[in-house]
Amino acid sequence: MGVMKKFDKWQIGALFAIIMPIIGFFFYWEWRFEGWSWERLYGFMKSSSDNRNNILIFPLVPNLIMFYFSNFQFRMDKFTQGLVGVTIILAIPVVISLVI
């Protein structure tokens, strides 16, 4: 459990919360929109709020999975604070886009 203690810092949780959605976005892009250019994907996002929300919500799923493990399995409280704080900040534009 010594390794977990080293990672139990809010800064590391915040870093993971920033990196995981970026990786999730690229995985989703390659899985769902294989072969699409950035311009085509951007046009698809602009065409409908439903399209935009699906593309923006899916990359936050890795943070939910990370939350489960860091909070319930490993009891890394400080890591979880950083993870949740940044995830909330990242989720605000998604919620706003639901209203617009």
C-alpha atoms as a PDB file:
ATOM      1  CA  MET A   1       0.000   0.000   0.000  1.00  0.00           C
ATOM      2  CA  GLY A   2       3.078   2.248   0.088  1.00  0.00           C
ATOM      3  CA  VAL A   3       2.751   3.108  -3.601  1.00  0.00           C
ATOM      4  CA  MET A   4      -0.838   4.239  -3.102  1.00  0.00           C
ATOM      5  CA  LYS A   5       0.269   6.623  -0.349  1.00  0.00           C
ATOM      6  CA  LYS A   6       2.699   8.274  -2.772  1.00  0.00           C
ATOM      7  CA  PHE A   7      -0.088   8.864  -5.293  1.00  0.00           C
ATOM      8  CA  ASP A   8      -2.562  10.154  -2.682  1.00  0.00           C
ATOM      9  CA  LYS A   9      -2.066  13.851  -3.518  1.00  0.00           C
ATOM     10  CA  TRP A  10      -4.693  16.179  -4.945  1.00  0.00           C
ATOM     11  CA  GLN A  11      -2.256  17.408  -7.605  1.00  0.00           C
ATOM     12  CA  ILE A  12      -1.846  13.901  -9.000  1.00  0.00           C
ATOM     13  CA  GLY A  13      -5.613  13.388  -8.954  1.00  0.00           C
ATOM     14  CA  ALA A  14      -6.084  16.685 -10.817  1.00  0.00           C
ATOM     15  CA  LEU A  15      -3.456  15.669 -13.382  1.00  0.00           C
ATOM     16  CA  PHE A  16      -5.209  12.351 -13.984  1.00  0.00           C
ATOM     17  CA  ALA A  17      -8.544  14.190 -14.263  1.00  0.00           C
ATOM     18  CA  ILE A  18      -7.105  16.336 -17.061  1.00  0.00           C
ATOM     19  CA  ILE A  19      -5.289  13.567 -18.939  1.00  0.00           C
ATOM     20  CA  MET A  20      -7.949  10.821 -18.808  1.00  0.00           C
ATOM     21  CA  PRO A  21     -10.680  12.743 -20.719  1.00  0.00           C
ATOM     22  CA  ILE A  22      -8.187  13.653 -23.437  1.00  0.00           C
ATOM     23  CA  ILE A  23      -7.227  10.018 -23.856  1.00  0.00           C
ATOM     24  CA  GLY A  24     -10.922   9.026 -23.659  1.00  0.00           C
ATOM     25  CA  PHE A  25     -11.814  11.566 -26.350  1.00  0.00           C
ATOM     26  CA  PHE A  26      -9.223  10.187 -28.770  1.00  0.00           C
ATOM     27  CA  PHE A  27     -10.280   6.589 -28.083  1.00  0.00           C
ATOM     28  CA  TYR A  28     -13.920   7.541 -28.663  1.00  0.00           C
ATOM     29  CA  TRP A  29     -13.030   9.443 -31.832  1.00  0.00           C
ATOM     30  CA  GLU A  30     -11.127   6.461 -33.240  1.00  0.00           C
ATOM     31  CA  TRP A  31     -13.792   3.966 -32.164  1.00  0.00           C
ATOM     32  CA  ARG A  32     -16.932   5.851 -33.173  1.00  0.00           C
ATOM     33  CA  PHE A  33     -15.691   8.159 -35.933  1.00  0.00           C
ATOM     34  CA  GLU A  34     -12.895   6.142 -37.476  1.00  0.00           C
ATOM     35  CA  GLY A  35     -11.278   7.933 -40.391  1.00  0.00           C
ATOM     36  CA  TRP A  36     -12.989  11.274 -39.787  1.00  0.00           C
ATOM     37  CA  SER A  37     -10.885  14.394 -40.018  1.00  0.00           C
ATOM     38  CA  TRP A  38     -10.865  16.964 -37.224  1.00  0.00           C
ATOM     39  CA  GLU A  39     -12.845  19.377 -39.453  1.00  0.00           C
ATOM     40  CA  ARG A  40     -15.547  16.795 -40.154  1.00  0.00           C
ATOM     41  CA  LEU A  41     -15.854  15.903 -36.463  1.00  0.00           C
ATOM     42  CA  TYR A  42     -16.058  19.583 -35.516  1.00  0.00           C
ATOM     43  CA  GLY A  43     -18.776  20.164 -38.121  1.00  0.00           C
ATOM     44  CA  PHE A  44     -20.678  17.159 -36.773  1.00  0.00           C
ATOM     45  CA  MET A  45     -20.459  18.571 -33.249  1.00  0.00           C
ATOM     46  CA  LYS A  46     -21.722  21.967 -34.392  1.00  0.00           C
ATOM     47  CA  SER A  47     -24.654  20.496 -36.322  1.00  0.00           C
ATOM     48  CA  SER A  48     -26.635  19.352 -33.276  1.00  0.00           C
ATOM     49  CA  SER A  49     -26.497  19.689 -29.509  1.00  0.00           C
ATOM     50  CA  ASP A  50     -27.158  15.936 -29.176  1.00  0.00           C
ATOM     51  CA  ASN A  51     -24.052  15.177 -31.229  1.00  0.00           C
ATOM     52  CA  ARG A  52     -21.986  17.616 -29.188  1.00  0.00           C
ATOM     53  CA  ASN A  53     -23.185  16.229 -25.859  1.00  0.00           C
ATOM     54  CA  ASN A  54     -22.438  12.615 -26.773  1.00  0.00           C
ATOM     55  CA  ILE A  55     -18.934  13.507 -27.866  1.00  0.00           C
ATOM     56  CA  LEU A  56     -18.278  15.637 -24.771  1.00  0.00           C
ATOM     57  CA  ILE A  57     -19.832  13.326 -22.166  1.00  0.00           C
ATOM     58  CA  PHE A  58     -18.111  10.078 -23.152  1.00  0.00           C
ATOM     59  CA  PRO A  59     -14.556  11.325 -22.390  1.00  0.00           C
ATOM     60  CA  LEU A  60     -15.602  11.983 -18.773  1.00  0.00           C
ATOM     61  CA  VAL A  61     -16.378   8.273 -18.246  1.00  0.00           C
ATOM     62  CA  PRO A  62     -12.722   7.379 -17.478  1.00  0.00           C
ATOM     63  CA  ASN A  63     -12.844   9.891 -14.615  1.00  0.00           C
ATOM     64  CA  LEU A  64     -15.895   8.111 -13.205  1.00  0.00           C
ATOM     65  CA  ILE A  65     -14.062   4.798 -13.342  1.00  0.00           C
ATOM     66  CA  MET A  66     -10.990   6.381 -11.763  1.00  0.00           C
ATOM     67  CA  PHE A  67     -13.231   7.839  -9.030  1.00  0.00           C
ATOM     68  CA  TYR A  68     -14.616   4.409  -8.221  1.00  0.00           C
ATOM     69  CA  PHE A  69     -11.175   2.893  -7.781  1.00  0.00           C
ATOM     70  CA  SER A  70      -9.531   5.814  -6.000  1.00  0.00           C
ATOM     71  CA  ASN A  71     -12.392   6.410  -3.576  1.00  0.00           C
ATOM     72  CA  PHE A  72     -13.968   3.032  -2.900  1.00  0.00           C
ATOM     73  CA  GLN A  73     -11.203   0.525  -3.612  1.00  0.00           C
ATOM     74  CA  PHE A  74      -7.987   2.293  -2.597  1.00  0.00           C
ATOM     75  CA  ARG A  75      -9.328   4.989  -0.211  1.00  0.00           C
ATOM     76  CA  MET A  76      -7.127   7.719  -1.707  1.00  0.00           C
ATOM     77  CA  ASP A  77      -8.957  10.751  -0.316  1.00  0.00           C
ATOM     78  CA  LYS A  78      -6.667  13.540  -1.514  1.00  0.00           C
ATOM     79  CA  PHE A  79      -6.298  12.009  -4.976  1.00  0.00           C
ATOM     80  CA  THR A  80     -10.093  11.788  -5.168  1.00  0.00           C
ATOM     81  CA  GLN A  81     -10.463  15.460  -4.179  1.00  0.00           C
ATOM     82  CA  GLY A  82      -8.278  16.563  -7.098  1.00  0.00           C
ATOM     83  CA  LEU A  83     -10.011  14.160  -9.462  1.00  0.00           C
ATOM     84  CA  VAL A  84     -13.516  15.293  -8.530  1.00  0.00           C
ATOM     85  CA  GLY A  85     -12.619  18.991  -8.495  1.00  0.00           C
ATOM     86  CA  VAL A  86     -11.215  19.002 -12.015  1.00  0.00           C
ATOM     87  CA  THR A  87     -13.988  16.711 -13.297  1.00  0.00           C
ATOM     88  CA  ILE A  88     -16.601  19.180 -12.058  1.00  0.00           C
ATOM     89  CA  ILE A  89     -14.774  22.014 -13.802  1.00  0.00           C
ATOM     90  CA  LEU A  90     -14.639  19.964 -17.022  1.00  0.00           C
ATOM     91  CA  ALA A  91     -18.314  19.003 -16.733  1.00  0.00           C
ATOM     92  CA  ILE A  92     -19.572  22.590 -16.458  1.00  0.00           C
ATOM     93  CA  PRO A  93     -19.255  23.280 -20.227  1.00  0.00           C
ATOM     94  CA  VAL A  94     -21.074  20.014 -20.944  1.00  0.00           C
ATOM     95  CA  VAL A  95     -23.967  21.037 -18.686  1.00  0.00           C
ATOM     96  CA  ILE A  96     -24.054  24.501 -20.268  1.00  0.00           C
ATOM     97  CA  SER A  97     -24.148  22.932 -23.735  1.00  0.00           C
ATOM     98  CA  LEU A  98     -27.234  20.946 -22.656  1.00  0.00           C
ATOM     99  CA  VAL A  99     -29.040  24.203 -21.969  1.00  0.00           C
ATOM    100  CA  ILE A 100     -27.919  26.036 -25.114  1.00  0.00           C
END
